[in-house]
C-alpha cells in the first residue's frame, strides 16, 4: 500500500499459518507482506521480520502473544 506521501507500508503477520493470517495474506499484494511469524519461527527470524516491517498484525493465540 502506497500512500499519497509516498510511504510504502511493510506488513508482517504474526500467526501467518493460521486461518486469519492466511486470509489477510491472500488479500494483500505480495510486496506489502514482508514476512510472517509462526510457531516454528526462530528468535533470529522473528527479530529480522519485525525489524523490516512498519506494521505488525498479530493473529496468534493469547498465549503466544504474551511471550
PDB file of N, CA and C in Angstrom:
ATOM      1  N   UNK A   1       0.841  -1.170   0.000  1.00  0.00           N
ATOM      2  CA  UNK A   1       0.000   0.000   0.000  1.00  0.00           C
ATOM      3  C   UNK A   1       0.889   1.236   0.000  1.00  0.00           C
ATOM      4  N   UNK A   2       0.730   2.083  -1.002  1.00  0.00           N
ATOM      5  CA  UNK A   2       1.495   3.320  -1.081  1.00  0.00           C
ATOM      6  C   UNK A   2       0.537   4.478  -0.847  1.00  0.00           C
ATOM      7  N   UNK A   3       0.864   5.309   0.098  1.00  0.00           N
ATOM      8  CA  UNK A   3       0.035   6.475   0.408  1.00  0.00           C
ATOM      9  C   UNK A   3       0.467   7.652  -0.460  1.00  0.00           C
ATOM     10  N   UNK A   4      -0.323   8.719  -0.454  1.00  0.00           N
ATOM     11  CA  UNK A   4      -0.006   9.908  -1.238  1.00  0.00           C
ATOM     12  C   UNK A   4       1.354  10.476  -0.865  1.00  0.00           C
ATOM     13  N   UNK A   5       1.760  10.282   0.394  1.00  0.00           N
ATOM     14  CA  UNK A   5       3.039  10.808   0.849  1.00  0.00           C
ATOM     15  C   UNK A   5       4.217  10.011   0.296  1.00  0.00           C
ATOM     16  N   UNK A   6       3.938   8.885  -0.357  1.00  0.00           N
ATOM     17  CA  UNK A   6       4.995   8.039  -0.893  1.00  0.00           C
ATOM     18  C   UNK A   6       5.443   6.961   0.078  1.00  0.00           C
ATOM     19  N   UNK A   7       4.888   6.953   1.287  1.00  0.00           N
ATOM     20  CA  UNK A   7       5.216   5.945   2.291  1.00  0.00           C
ATOM     21  C   UNK A   7       4.644   4.601   1.871  1.00  0.00           C
ATOM     22  N   UNK A   8       5.485   3.600   1.850  1.00  0.00           N
ATOM     23  CA  UNK A   8       5.036   2.257   1.497  1.00  0.00           C
ATOM     24  C   UNK A   8       4.962   1.418   2.768  1.00  0.00           C
ATOM     25  N   UNK A   9       3.770   0.931   3.079  1.00  0.00           N
ATOM     26  CA  UNK A   9       3.586   0.129   4.272  1.00  0.00           C
ATOM     27  C   UNK A   9       4.180  -1.263   4.060  1.00  0.00           C
ATOM     28  N   UNK A  10       4.972  -1.696   5.031  1.00  0.00           N
ATOM     29  CA  UNK A  10       5.553  -3.031   5.005  1.00  0.00           C
ATOM     30  C   UNK A  10       4.965  -3.786   6.196  1.00  0.00           C
ATOM     31  N   UNK A  11       4.195  -4.818   5.919  1.00  0.00           N
ATOM     32  CA  UNK A  11       3.421  -5.519   6.931  1.00  0.00           C
ATOM     33  C   UNK A  11       4.023  -6.874   7.265  1.00  0.00           C
ATOM     34  N   UNK A  12       4.065  -7.190   8.547  1.00  0.00           N
ATOM     35  CA  UNK A  12       4.400  -8.548   8.965  1.00  0.00           C
ATOM     36  C   UNK A  12       3.193  -9.108   9.701  1.00  0.00           C
ATOM     37  N   UNK A  13       3.023 -10.425   9.600  1.00  0.00           N
ATOM     38  CA  UNK A  13       1.855 -11.075  10.190  1.00  0.00           C
ATOM     39  C   UNK A  13       2.314 -12.143  11.174  1.00  0.00           C
ATOM     40  N   UNK A  14       1.919 -11.973  12.433  1.00  0.00           N
ATOM     41  CA  UNK A  14       2.166 -12.993  13.443  1.00  0.00           C
ATOM     42  C   UNK A  14       0.975 -13.942  13.378  1.00  0.00           C
ATOM     43  N   UNK A  15       1.257 -15.224  13.204  1.00  0.00           N
ATOM     44  CA  UNK A  15       0.192 -16.211  13.023  1.00  0.00           C
ATOM     45  C   UNK A  15      -0.152 -16.386  11.553  1.00  0.00           C
ATOM     46  N   UNK A  16       0.839 -16.236  10.700  1.00  0.00           N
ATOM     47  CA  UNK A  16       0.614 -16.273   9.248  1.00  0.00           C
ATOM     48  C   UNK A  16       0.149 -17.640   8.746  1.00  0.00           C
ATOM     49  N   UNK A  17       0.406 -18.691   9.480  1.00  0.00           N
ATOM     50  CA  UNK A  17      -0.033 -20.014   9.034  1.00  0.00           C
ATOM     51  C   UNK A  17      -1.442 -20.360   9.512  1.00  0.00           C
ATOM     52  N   UNK A  18      -2.026 -19.504  10.338  1.00  0.00           N
ATOM     53  CA  UNK A  18      -3.395 -19.723  10.811  1.00  0.00           C
ATOM     54  C   UNK A  18      -4.418 -19.245   9.798  1.00  0.00           C
ATOM     55  N   UNK A  19      -5.686 -19.468  10.120  1.00  0.00           N
ATOM     56  CA  UNK A  19      -6.767 -19.116   9.177  1.00  0.00           C
ATOM     57  C   UNK A  19      -6.783 -17.624   8.839  1.00  0.00           C
ATOM     58  N   UNK A  20      -6.758 -16.776   9.860  1.00  0.00           N
ATOM     59  CA  UNK A  20      -6.815 -15.332   9.606  1.00  0.00           C
ATOM     60  C   UNK A  20      -5.542 -14.833   8.931  1.00  0.00           C
ATOM     61  N   UNK A  21      -4.400 -15.310   9.373  1.00  0.00           N
ATOM     62  CA  UNK A  21      -3.142 -14.902   8.767  1.00  0.00           C
ATOM     63  C   UNK A  21      -3.089 -15.223   7.287  1.00  0.00           C
ATOM     64  N   UNK A  22      -3.577 -16.408   6.927  1.00  0.00           N
ATOM     65  CA  UNK A  22      -3.600 -16.806   5.521  1.00  0.00           C
ATOM     66  C   UNK A  22      -4.567 -15.954   4.712  1.00  0.00           C
ATOM     67  N   UNK A  23      -5.733 -15.675   5.271  1.00  0.00           N
ATOM     68  CA  UNK A  23      -6.722 -14.872   4.552  1.00  0.00           C
ATOM     69  C   UNK A  23      -6.225 -13.446   4.323  1.00  0.00           C
ATOM     70  N   UNK A  24      -5.658 -12.843   5.339  1.00  0.00           N
ATOM     71  CA  UNK A  24      -5.131 -11.472   5.192  1.00  0.00           C
ATOM     72  C   UNK A  24      -4.002 -11.452   4.176  1.00  0.00           C
ATOM     73  N   UNK A  25      -3.134 -12.441   4.240  1.00  0.00           N
ATOM     74  CA  UNK A  25      -2.021 -12.531   3.302  1.00  0.00           C
ATOM     75  C   UNK A  25      -2.524 -12.640   1.861  1.00  0.00           C
ATOM     76  N   UNK A  26      -3.593 -13.386   1.640  1.00  0.00           N
ATOM     77  CA  UNK A  26      -4.165 -13.531   0.293  1.00  0.00           C
ATOM     78  C   UNK A  26      -4.726 -12.203  -0.226  1.00  0.00           C
ATOM     79  N   UNK A  27      -5.297 -11.405   0.673  1.00  0.00           N
ATOM     80  CA  UNK A  27      -5.935 -10.154   0.268  1.00  0.00           C
ATOM     81  C   UNK A  27      -4.936  -9.050  -0.079  1.00  0.00           C
ATOM     82  N   UNK A  28      -3.750  -9.143   0.470  1.00  0.00           N
ATOM     83  CA  UNK A  28      -2.749  -8.100   0.248  1.00  0.00           C
ATOM     84  C   UNK A  28      -1.866  -8.438  -0.940  1.00  0.00           C
ATOM     85  N   UNK A  29      -1.263  -7.427  -1.512  1.00  0.00           N
ATOM     86  CA  UNK A  29      -0.289  -7.648  -2.569  1.00  0.00           C
ATOM     87  C   UNK A  29       0.957  -8.266  -1.959  1.00  0.00           C
ATOM     88  N   UNK A  30       1.632  -9.092  -2.705  1.00  0.00           N
ATOM     89  CA  UNK A  30       2.792  -9.812  -2.170  1.00  0.00           C
ATOM     90  C   UNK A  30       3.904  -8.882  -1.706  1.00  0.00           C
ATOM     91  N   UNK A  31       4.028  -7.703  -2.292  1.00  0.00           N
ATOM     92  CA  UNK A  31       5.093  -6.793  -1.870  1.00  0.00           C
ATOM     93  C   UNK A  31       4.733  -6.027  -0.597  1.00  0.00           C
ATOM     94  N   UNK A  32       3.484  -6.122  -0.139  1.00  0.00           N
ATOM     95  CA  UNK A  32       3.092  -5.461   1.105  1.00  0.00           C
ATOM     96  C   UNK A  32       3.443  -6.296   2.326  1.00  0.00           C
ATOM     97  N   UNK A  33       3.471  -7.619   2.182  1.00  0.00           N
ATOM     98  CA  UNK A  33       3.791  -8.501   3.298  1.00  0.00           C
ATOM     99  C   UNK A  33       5.275  -8.829   3.233  1.00  0.00           C
ATOM    100  N   UNK A  34       6.034  -8.316   4.214  1.00  0.00           N
ATOM    101  CA  UNK A  34       7.482  -8.523   4.200  1.00  0.00           C
ATOM    102  C   UNK A  34       7.894  -9.750   4.993  1.00  0.00           C
ATOM    103  N   UNK A  35       6.978 -10.322   5.750  1.00  0.00           N
ATOM    104  CA  UNK A  35       7.320 -11.520   6.496  1.00  0.00           C
ATOM    105  C   UNK A  35       6.174 -12.028   7.339  1.00  0.00           C
ATOM    106  N   UNK A  36       6.330 -13.277   7.731  1.00  0.00           N
ATOM    107  CA  UNK A  36       5.336 -13.905   8.578  1.00  0.00           C
ATOM    108  C   UNK A  36       6.006 -14.645   9.712  1.00  0.00           C
ATOM    109  N   UNK A  37       5.299 -14.738  10.812  1.00  0.00           N
ATOM    110  CA  UNK A  37       5.816 -15.397  12.006  1.00  0.00           C
ATOM    111  C   UNK A  37       4.832 -16.486  12.400  1.00  0.00           C
ATOM    112  N   UNK A  38       5.373 -17.679  12.646  1.00  0.00           N
ATOM    113  CA  UNK A  38       4.546 -18.801  13.074  1.00  0.00           C
ATOM    114  C   UNK A  38       5.236 -19.480  14.256  1.00  0.00           C
ATOM    115  N   UNK A  39       4.638 -20.548  14.730  1.00  0.00           N
ATOM    116  CA  UNK A  39       5.189 -21.235  15.901  1.00  0.00           C
ATOM    117  C   UNK A  39       6.593 -21.801  15.646  1.00  0.00           C
ATOM    118  N   UNK A  40       6.944 -22.026  14.386  1.00  0.00           N
ATOM    119  CA  UNK A  40       8.261 -22.562  14.060  1.00  0.00           C
ATOM    120  C   UNK A  40       9.330 -21.506  13.810  1.00  0.00           C
ATOM    121  N   UNK A  41       8.990 -20.243  13.952  1.00  0.00           N
ATOM    122  CA  UNK A  41       9.924 -19.151  13.688  1.00  0.00           C
ATOM    123  C   UNK A  41      10.961 -19.055  14.805  1.00  0.00           C
ATOM    124  N   UNK A  42      12.219 -18.960  14.415  1.00  0.00           N
ATOM    125  CA  UNK A  42      13.277 -18.802  15.411  1.00  0.00           C
ATOM    126  C   UNK A  42      13.316 -17.359  15.897  1.00  0.00           C
ATOM    127  N   UNK A  43      13.993 -17.147  17.014  1.00  0.00           N
ATOM    128  CA  UNK A  43      14.104 -15.787  17.564  1.00  0.00           C
ATOM    129  C   UNK A  43      14.828 -14.866  16.584  1.00  0.00           C
ATOM    130  N   UNK A  44      15.832 -15.389  15.916  1.00  0.00           N
ATOM    131  CA  UNK A  44      16.582 -14.594  14.936  1.00  0.00           C
ATOM    132  C   UNK A  44      15.696 -14.187  13.763  1.00  0.00           C
ATOM    133  N   UNK A  45      14.899 -15.134  13.253  1.00  0.00           N
ATOM    134  CA  UNK A  45      13.975 -14.832  12.154  1.00  0.00           C
ATOM    135  C   UNK A  45      12.916 -13.818  12.608  1.00  0.00           C
ATOM    136  N   UNK A  46      12.415 -13.993  13.827  1.00  0.00           N
ATOM    137  CA  UNK A  46      11.424 -13.092  14.386  1.00  0.00           C
ATOM    138  C   UNK A  46      11.939 -11.657  14.400  1.00  0.00           C
ATOM    139  N   UNK A  47      13.138 -11.472  14.931  1.00  0.00           N
ATOM    140  CA  UNK A  47      13.729 -10.136  15.016  1.00  0.00           C
ATOM    141  C   UNK A  47      13.916  -9.512  13.638  1.00  0.00           C
ATOM    142  N   UNK A  48      14.332 -10.305  12.667  1.00  0.00           N
ATOM    143  CA  UNK A  48      14.545  -9.807  11.309  1.00  0.00           C
ATOM    144  C   UNK A  48      13.225  -9.352  10.678  1.00  0.00           C
ATOM    145  N   UNK A  49      12.181 -10.150  10.844  1.00  0.00           N
ATOM    146  CA  UNK A  49      10.873  -9.801  10.277  1.00  0.00           C
ATOM    147  C   UNK A  49      10.346  -8.522  10.910  1.00  0.00           C
ATOM    148  N   UNK A  50      10.408  -8.439  12.224  1.00  0.00           N
ATOM    149  CA  UNK A  50       9.895  -7.260  12.927  1.00  0.00           C
ATOM    150  C   UNK A  50      10.687  -6.008  12.538  1.00  0.00           C
ATOM    151  N   UNK A  51      11.992  -6.148  12.433  1.00  0.00           N
ATOM    152  CA  UNK A  51      12.855  -5.015  12.086  1.00  0.00           C
ATOM    153  C   UNK A  51      12.541  -4.473  10.686  1.00  0.00           C
ATOM    154  N   UNK A  52      12.182  -5.357   9.755  1.00  0.00           N
ATOM    155  CA  UNK A  52      11.943  -4.961   8.368  1.00  0.00           C
ATOM    156  C   UNK A  52      10.515  -4.522   8.080  1.00  0.00           C
ATOM    157  N   UNK A  53       9.653  -4.511   9.095  1.00  0.00           N
ATOM    158  CA  UNK A  53       8.261  -4.138   8.860  1.00  0.00           C
ATOM    159  C   UNK A  53       7.925  -2.808   9.529  1.00  0.00           C
ATOM    160  N   UNK A  54       6.963  -2.108   8.938  1.00  0.00           N
ATOM    161  CA  UNK A  54       6.493  -0.866   9.546  1.00  0.00           C
ATOM    162  C   UNK A  54       5.255  -1.115  10.403  1.00  0.00           C
ATOM    163  N   UNK A  55       4.545  -2.216  10.135  1.00  0.00           N
ATOM    164  CA  UNK A  55       3.349  -2.581  10.887  1.00  0.00           C
ATOM    165  C   UNK A  55       3.351  -4.089  11.103  1.00  0.00           C
ATOM    166  N   UNK A  56       2.995  -4.513  12.317  1.00  0.00           N
ATOM    167  CA  UNK A  56       2.860  -5.939  12.613  1.00  0.00           C
ATOM    168  C   UNK A  56       1.444  -6.200  13.097  1.00  0.00           C
ATOM    169  N   UNK A  57       0.790  -7.160  12.467  1.00  0.00           N
ATOM    170  CA  UNK A  57      -0.554  -7.555  12.849  1.00  0.00           C
ATOM    171  C   UNK A  57      -0.460  -8.924  13.504  1.00  0.00           C
ATOM    172  N   UNK A  58      -1.083  -9.061  14.682  1.00  0.00           N
ATOM    173  CA  UNK A  58      -0.971 -10.290  15.465  1.00  0.00           C
ATOM    174  C   UNK A  58      -2.276 -11.083  15.407  1.00  0.00           C
ATOM    175  N   UNK A  59      -2.231 -12.237  14.740  1.00  0.00           N
ATOM    176  CA  UNK A  59      -3.365 -13.154  14.691  1.00  0.00           C
ATOM    177  C   UNK A  59      -3.047 -14.442  15.446  1.00  0.00           C
ATOM    178  N   UNK A  60      -2.114 -14.376  16.367  1.00  0.00           N
ATOM    179  CA  UNK A  60      -1.757 -15.554  17.149  1.00  0.00           C
ATOM    180  C   UNK A  60      -2.734 -15.740  18.307  1.00  0.00           C
ATOM    181  N   UNK A  61      -2.504 -16.766  19.084  1.00  0.00           N
ATOM    182  CA  UNK A  61      -3.321 -17.008  20.268  1.00  0.00           C
ATOM    183  C   UNK A  61      -2.809 -16.133  21.417  1.00  0.00           C
ATOM    184  N   UNK A  62      -3.628 -15.865  22.418  1.00  0.00           N
ATOM    185  CA  UNK A  62      -3.178 -15.034  23.553  1.00  0.00           C
ATOM    186  C   UNK A  62      -1.912 -15.581  24.231  1.00  0.00           C
ATOM    187  N   UNK A  63      -1.804 -16.880  24.350  1.00  0.00           N
ATOM    188  CA  UNK A  63      -0.623 -17.476  25.000  1.00  0.00           C
ATOM    189  C   UNK A  63       0.658 -17.170  24.242  1.00  0.00           C
ATOM    190  N   UNK A  64       0.595 -17.153  22.943  1.00  0.00           N
ATOM    191  CA  UNK A  64       1.772 -16.866  22.111  1.00  0.00           C
ATOM    192  C   UNK A  64       2.114 -15.387  22.142  1.00  0.00           C
ATOM    193  N   UNK A  65       1.122 -14.515  22.089  1.00  0.00           N
ATOM    194  CA  UNK A  65       1.401 -13.075  22.025  1.00  0.00           C
ATOM    195  C   UNK A  65       2.003 -12.536  23.312  1.00  0.00           C
ATOM    196  N   UNK A  66       1.805 -13.212  24.423  1.00  0.00           N
ATOM    197  CA  UNK A  66       2.379 -12.781  25.692  1.00  0.00           C
ATOM    198  C   UNK A  66       3.881 -13.051  25.740  1.00  0.00           C
ATOM    199  N   UNK A  67       4.337 -14.086  25.027  1.00  0.00           N
ATOM    200  CA  UNK A  67       5.768 -14.406  25.004  1.00  0.00           C
ATOM    201  C   UNK A  67       6.498 -13.254  24.432  1.00  0.00           C
TER     202      UNK A  67
END
